[in-house]
Structures are given as structure tokens and as C-alpha cells.
Amino acid sequence: MPAWIPREGGLQIAVRVTPRAGRDMLAAGTADHLAARLAAAPVDGAANAALIALVAKAFGLRRGAVRLVAGETARLKRLHLDGDAETLARTVAALYGTGA
């Protein structure tokens, strides 16, 4: 599956998470996923909450517009972003430097 896919009502993204990193950062990863580094530890949902906050900030969304749809306890996660799929896709493409 590609790193991002337009879905009804928004965009679905795949993110590979590295917890306990020095700082929070969202960047291009592979063709299959974005890469997120999180300072939070994967304990009691802290890393998932930090990921949602990071993605919301990167895409200019409110936290409630970002939902974890798969991978709650895995490093590879799928998130749904509510909003205009085309606008959100431009944001993620900019992370990859493609400007698509």
C-alpha cells in the first residue's frame, strides 16, 4: 500500500513510528509509509497521542480530525485525516518533496 490514499472524507496515511526519539518529527519515509520520531514512550497510549498531535499540527488540523484506524500497538500505523483529500495530499506530497 502507498504512504497515502484518498478516502471518503479525507486521506489515509501510513506512518512508521520510532518512539523514545530525541524530539518529535514527521518526515518522508519510504514509498509505503511516512516516518515519525516521537519523544514519547510507547506506554499507556502516550506515543499514539503524541503521533496524533504531531500529525494534526503538520497538516493544520485539529486533533479530533486525526484518527488511528490500525496499528494501535504496532510501529506501523494507519491514520485517517478528516478534510479535503486533495489539500491533504498536497501537504503530504510536500513532505516527500514531490509537490504533487
N, C-alpha and C. Protein backbone atom coordinates (compact mmCIF):
# COMPACT_ATOMS: atom_id res chain seq x y z
N MET A 1 0.84 -1.19 0.00
CA MET A 1 0.00 0.00 0.00
C MET A 1 0.88 1.25 0.00
N PRO A 2 0.44 2.29 -0.70
CA PRO A 2 1.22 3.52 -0.71
C PRO A 2 1.14 4.27 0.63
N ALA A 3 2.01 5.24 0.79
CA ALA A 3 2.08 6.00 2.05
C ALA A 3 0.80 6.80 2.32
N TRP A 4 0.10 7.19 1.26
CA TRP A 4 -1.16 7.91 1.46
C TRP A 4 -2.16 7.54 0.37
N ILE A 5 -3.42 7.50 0.77
CA ILE A 5 -4.51 7.10 -0.12
C ILE A 5 -5.71 8.01 0.14
N PRO A 6 -6.27 8.62 -0.90
CA PRO A 6 -7.52 9.37 -0.70
C PRO A 6 -8.63 8.41 -0.27
N ARG A 7 -9.39 8.81 0.71
CA ARG A 7 -10.53 8.04 1.19
C ARG A 7 -11.72 8.99 1.30
N GLU A 8 -12.90 8.42 1.42
CA GLU A 8 -14.09 9.24 1.57
C GLU A 8 -13.93 10.10 2.82
N GLY A 9 -14.07 11.39 2.64
CA GLY A 9 -14.00 12.31 3.77
C GLY A 9 -12.59 12.69 4.19
N GLY A 10 -11.58 12.29 3.41
CA GLY A 10 -10.24 12.69 3.79
C GLY A 10 -9.14 11.88 3.15
N LEU A 11 -8.11 11.63 3.93
CA LEU A 11 -6.92 10.94 3.44
C LEU A 11 -6.47 9.94 4.49
N GLN A 12 -6.02 8.78 4.04
CA GLN A 12 -5.47 7.80 4.97
C GLN A 12 -3.96 7.76 4.74
N ILE A 13 -3.19 7.82 5.83
CA ILE A 13 -1.74 7.77 5.73
C ILE A 13 -1.19 6.61 6.55
N ALA A 14 -0.07 6.09 6.10
CA ALA A 14 0.66 5.06 6.84
C ALA A 14 1.89 5.74 7.44
N VAL A 15 2.16 5.45 8.70
CA VAL A 15 3.28 6.07 9.40
C VAL A 15 4.03 5.01 10.18
N ARG A 16 5.35 4.98 10.02
CA ARG A 16 6.20 4.11 10.84
C ARG A 16 6.74 4.97 11.97
N VAL A 17 6.49 4.53 13.20
CA VAL A 17 6.80 5.31 14.40
C VAL A 17 8.07 4.78 15.08
N THR A 18 8.92 5.72 15.46
CA THR A 18 10.07 5.40 16.30
C THR A 18 9.87 6.16 17.62
N PRO A 19 9.47 5.45 18.69
CA PRO A 19 9.27 6.12 19.97
C PRO A 19 10.60 6.36 20.69
N ARG A 20 10.55 7.15 21.72
CA ARG A 20 11.71 7.49 22.55
C ARG A 20 12.83 8.15 21.75
N ALA A 21 12.45 8.92 20.75
CA ALA A 21 13.42 9.69 19.97
C ALA A 21 13.71 10.98 20.72
N GLY A 22 14.70 11.70 20.29
CA GLY A 22 15.07 12.94 20.97
C GLY A 22 14.02 14.03 20.86
N ARG A 23 13.30 14.04 19.74
CA ARG A 23 12.28 15.07 19.54
C ARG A 23 11.22 14.54 18.60
N ASP A 24 10.09 15.25 18.53
CA ASP A 24 9.01 14.87 17.64
C ASP A 24 9.28 15.41 16.24
N MET A 25 9.11 14.53 15.23
CA MET A 25 9.35 14.95 13.86
C MET A 25 8.58 14.03 12.91
N LEU A 26 7.98 14.61 11.89
CA LEU A 26 7.29 13.86 10.85
C LEU A 26 8.01 14.17 9.54
N ALA A 27 8.37 13.13 8.80
CA ALA A 27 9.12 13.31 7.56
C ALA A 27 8.75 12.24 6.54
N ALA A 28 9.28 12.41 5.34
CA ALA A 28 9.12 11.40 4.31
C ALA A 28 9.81 10.12 4.78
N GLY A 29 9.22 9.01 4.44
CA GLY A 29 9.81 7.72 4.76
C GLY A 29 10.07 6.98 3.47
N THR A 30 9.46 5.83 3.33
CA THR A 30 9.57 5.06 2.09
C THR A 30 8.32 5.31 1.25
N ALA A 31 8.21 4.62 0.14
CA ALA A 31 7.01 4.74 -0.68
C ALA A 31 5.80 4.15 0.04
N ASP A 32 6.04 3.32 1.06
CA ASP A 32 4.97 2.65 1.80
C ASP A 32 4.51 3.38 3.05
N HIS A 33 5.31 4.31 3.58
CA HIS A 33 4.93 4.98 4.82
C HIS A 33 5.74 6.24 5.06
N LEU A 34 5.15 7.16 5.84
CA LEU A 34 5.87 8.30 6.35
C LEU A 34 6.67 7.82 7.55
N ALA A 35 7.57 8.67 8.05
CA ALA A 35 8.36 8.32 9.22
C ALA A 35 8.09 9.35 10.31
N ALA A 36 7.81 8.86 11.51
CA ALA A 36 7.59 9.75 12.65
C ALA A 36 8.54 9.37 13.77
N ARG A 37 9.20 10.36 14.33
CA ARG A 37 10.04 10.16 15.51
C ARG A 37 9.31 10.88 16.64
N LEU A 38 9.13 10.17 17.74
CA LEU A 38 8.37 10.71 18.88
C LEU A 38 9.21 10.64 20.14
N ALA A 39 9.20 11.69 20.91
CA ALA A 39 9.89 11.70 22.19
C ALA A 39 9.18 10.80 23.21
N ALA A 40 7.89 10.64 23.05
CA ALA A 40 7.08 9.85 24.00
C ALA A 40 7.43 8.37 23.93
N ALA A 41 7.29 7.71 25.06
CA ALA A 41 7.49 6.26 25.14
C ALA A 41 6.18 5.56 24.77
N PRO A 42 6.27 4.33 24.27
CA PRO A 42 5.04 3.60 23.91
C PRO A 42 4.39 2.96 25.13
N VAL A 43 3.99 3.79 26.07
CA VAL A 43 3.40 3.32 27.32
C VAL A 43 2.05 4.01 27.52
N ASP A 44 1.03 3.24 27.80
CA ASP A 44 -0.31 3.76 28.09
C ASP A 44 -0.83 4.70 27.01
N GLY A 45 -0.49 4.43 25.75
CA GLY A 45 -1.01 5.24 24.65
C GLY A 45 -0.34 6.58 24.46
N ALA A 46 0.73 6.86 25.20
CA ALA A 46 1.39 8.16 25.10
C ALA A 46 1.96 8.41 23.71
N ALA A 47 2.57 7.40 23.11
CA ALA A 47 3.14 7.58 21.77
C ALA A 47 2.04 7.80 20.74
N ASN A 48 0.93 7.09 20.85
CA ASN A 48 -0.18 7.29 19.92
C ASN A 48 -0.75 8.70 20.04
N ALA A 49 -0.90 9.18 21.26
CA ALA A 49 -1.41 10.54 21.47
C ALA A 49 -0.43 11.57 20.90
N ALA A 50 0.86 11.35 21.09
CA ALA A 50 1.87 12.25 20.56
C ALA A 50 1.86 12.23 19.03
N LEU A 51 1.66 11.05 18.45
CA LEU A 51 1.59 10.93 16.99
C LEU A 51 0.40 11.70 16.44
N ILE A 52 -0.74 11.55 17.06
CA ILE A 52 -1.94 12.26 16.61
C ILE A 52 -1.72 13.77 16.69
N ALA A 53 -1.13 14.25 17.77
CA ALA A 53 -0.86 15.69 17.92
C ALA A 53 0.13 16.17 16.85
N LEU A 54 1.16 15.38 16.59
CA LEU A 54 2.18 15.74 15.61
C LEU A 54 1.58 15.80 14.20
N VAL A 55 0.81 14.80 13.84
CA VAL A 55 0.19 14.76 12.51
C VAL A 55 -0.81 15.90 12.36
N ALA A 56 -1.61 16.15 13.38
CA ALA A 56 -2.58 17.24 13.33
C ALA A 56 -1.87 18.57 13.08
N LYS A 57 -0.79 18.80 13.79
CA LYS A 57 -0.03 20.04 13.64
C LYS A 57 0.57 20.13 12.24
N ALA A 58 1.17 19.05 11.75
CA ALA A 58 1.81 19.05 10.43
C ALA A 58 0.82 19.32 9.31
N PHE A 59 -0.43 18.86 9.46
CA PHE A 59 -1.43 19.03 8.42
C PHE A 59 -2.36 20.20 8.68
N GLY A 60 -2.16 20.93 9.77
CA GLY A 60 -3.02 22.07 10.08
C GLY A 60 -4.43 21.67 10.45
N LEU A 61 -4.56 20.53 11.12
CA LEU A 61 -5.87 20.01 11.53
C LEU A 61 -6.01 20.07 13.04
N ARG A 62 -7.24 19.98 13.49
CA ARG A 62 -7.45 19.83 14.93
C ARG A 62 -7.22 18.35 15.27
N ARG A 63 -6.89 18.07 16.50
CA ARG A 63 -6.58 16.69 16.89
C ARG A 63 -7.74 15.74 16.63
N GLY A 64 -8.94 16.20 16.80
CA GLY A 64 -10.12 15.37 16.58
C GLY A 64 -10.31 14.96 15.13
N ALA A 65 -9.60 15.61 14.22
CA ALA A 65 -9.71 15.28 12.79
C ALA A 65 -8.72 14.19 12.39
N VAL A 66 -7.93 13.70 13.35
CA VAL A 66 -6.95 12.65 13.08
C VAL A 66 -7.32 11.43 13.92
N ARG A 67 -7.55 10.30 13.24
CA ARG A 67 -7.94 9.07 13.95
C ARG A 67 -6.98 7.94 13.62
N LEU A 68 -6.62 7.19 14.64
CA LEU A 68 -5.83 5.98 14.46
C LEU A 68 -6.79 4.88 14.03
N VAL A 69 -6.58 4.30 12.85
CA VAL A 69 -7.50 3.28 12.35
C VAL A 69 -6.88 1.89 12.35
N ALA A 70 -5.57 1.78 12.47
CA ALA A 70 -4.91 0.47 12.53
C ALA A 70 -3.52 0.62 13.13
N GLY A 71 -3.09 -0.40 13.85
CA GLY A 71 -1.74 -0.44 14.37
C GLY A 71 -1.56 0.17 15.75
N GLU A 72 -2.57 0.06 16.58
CA GLU A 72 -2.51 0.69 17.91
C GLU A 72 -1.24 0.31 18.68
N THR A 73 -0.82 -0.94 18.62
CA THR A 73 0.37 -1.37 19.36
C THR A 73 1.55 -1.69 18.45
N ALA A 74 1.42 -1.41 17.16
CA ALA A 74 2.50 -1.70 16.20
C ALA A 74 3.27 -0.42 15.87
N ARG A 75 4.45 -0.60 15.31
CA ARG A 75 5.22 0.56 14.86
C ARG A 75 4.63 1.16 13.60
N LEU A 76 4.05 0.33 12.74
CA LEU A 76 3.42 0.81 11.51
C LEU A 76 1.94 1.06 11.79
N LYS A 77 1.53 2.30 11.60
CA LYS A 77 0.17 2.70 11.94
C LYS A 77 -0.51 3.31 10.72
N ARG A 78 -1.83 3.22 10.68
CA ARG A 78 -2.63 3.89 9.65
C ARG A 78 -3.52 4.89 10.37
N LEU A 79 -3.52 6.10 9.82
CA LEU A 79 -4.35 7.17 10.38
C LEU A 79 -5.26 7.72 9.30
N HIS A 80 -6.46 8.12 9.70
CA HIS A 80 -7.38 8.79 8.79
C HIS A 80 -7.40 10.26 9.17
N LEU A 81 -7.24 11.11 8.16
CA LEU A 81 -7.27 12.56 8.36
C LEU A 81 -8.55 13.08 7.73
N ASP A 82 -9.39 13.72 8.52
CA ASP A 82 -10.64 14.29 8.01
C ASP A 82 -10.34 15.60 7.30
N GLY A 83 -10.91 15.78 6.14
CA GLY A 83 -10.74 17.03 5.40
C GLY A 83 -10.76 16.78 3.91
N ASP A 84 -10.36 17.79 3.15
CA ASP A 84 -10.30 17.70 1.71
C ASP A 84 -9.09 16.85 1.30
N ALA A 85 -9.35 15.71 0.68
CA ALA A 85 -8.29 14.76 0.33
C ALA A 85 -7.22 15.39 -0.55
N GLU A 86 -7.61 16.22 -1.48
CA GLU A 86 -6.65 16.84 -2.40
C GLU A 86 -5.71 17.79 -1.66
N THR A 87 -6.25 18.60 -0.78
CA THR A 87 -5.43 19.52 0.02
C THR A 87 -4.49 18.76 0.93
N LEU A 88 -4.99 17.72 1.60
CA LEU A 88 -4.17 16.91 2.49
C LEU A 88 -3.08 16.18 1.71
N ALA A 89 -3.40 15.70 0.52
CA ALA A 89 -2.42 15.01 -0.31
C ALA A 89 -1.30 15.95 -0.74
N ARG A 90 -1.62 17.21 -1.00
CA ARG A 90 -0.58 18.19 -1.34
C ARG A 90 0.37 18.39 -0.16
N THR A 91 -0.16 18.40 1.05
CA THR A 91 0.67 18.56 2.24
C THR A 91 1.63 17.39 2.39
N VAL A 92 1.12 16.17 2.26
CA VAL A 92 1.99 15.00 2.41
C VAL A 92 2.98 14.91 1.25
N ALA A 93 2.57 15.29 0.05
CA ALA A 93 3.50 15.27 -1.09
C ALA A 93 4.63 16.26 -0.86
N ALA A 94 4.34 17.39 -0.21
CA ALA A 94 5.39 18.36 0.10
C ALA A 94 6.43 17.77 1.05
N LEU A 95 5.99 16.90 1.96
CA LEU A 95 6.95 16.23 2.86
C LEU A 95 7.93 15.38 2.05
N TYR A 96 7.44 14.81 0.97
CA TYR A 96 8.27 13.96 0.10
C TYR A 96 9.03 14.80 -0.95
N GLY A 97 8.70 16.08 -1.02
CA GLY A 97 9.37 16.94 -1.98
C GLY A 97 8.89 16.76 -3.40
N THR A 98 7.72 16.15 -3.56
CA THR A 98 7.21 15.92 -4.90
C THR A 98 6.30 17.04 -5.39
N GLY A 99 5.72 17.79 -4.45
CA GLY A 99 4.84 18.87 -4.82
C GLY A 99 3.62 18.45 -5.62
N ALA A 100 3.26 17.18 -5.57
CA ALA A 100 2.14 16.66 -6.36
C ALA A 100 0.82 17.19 -5.88
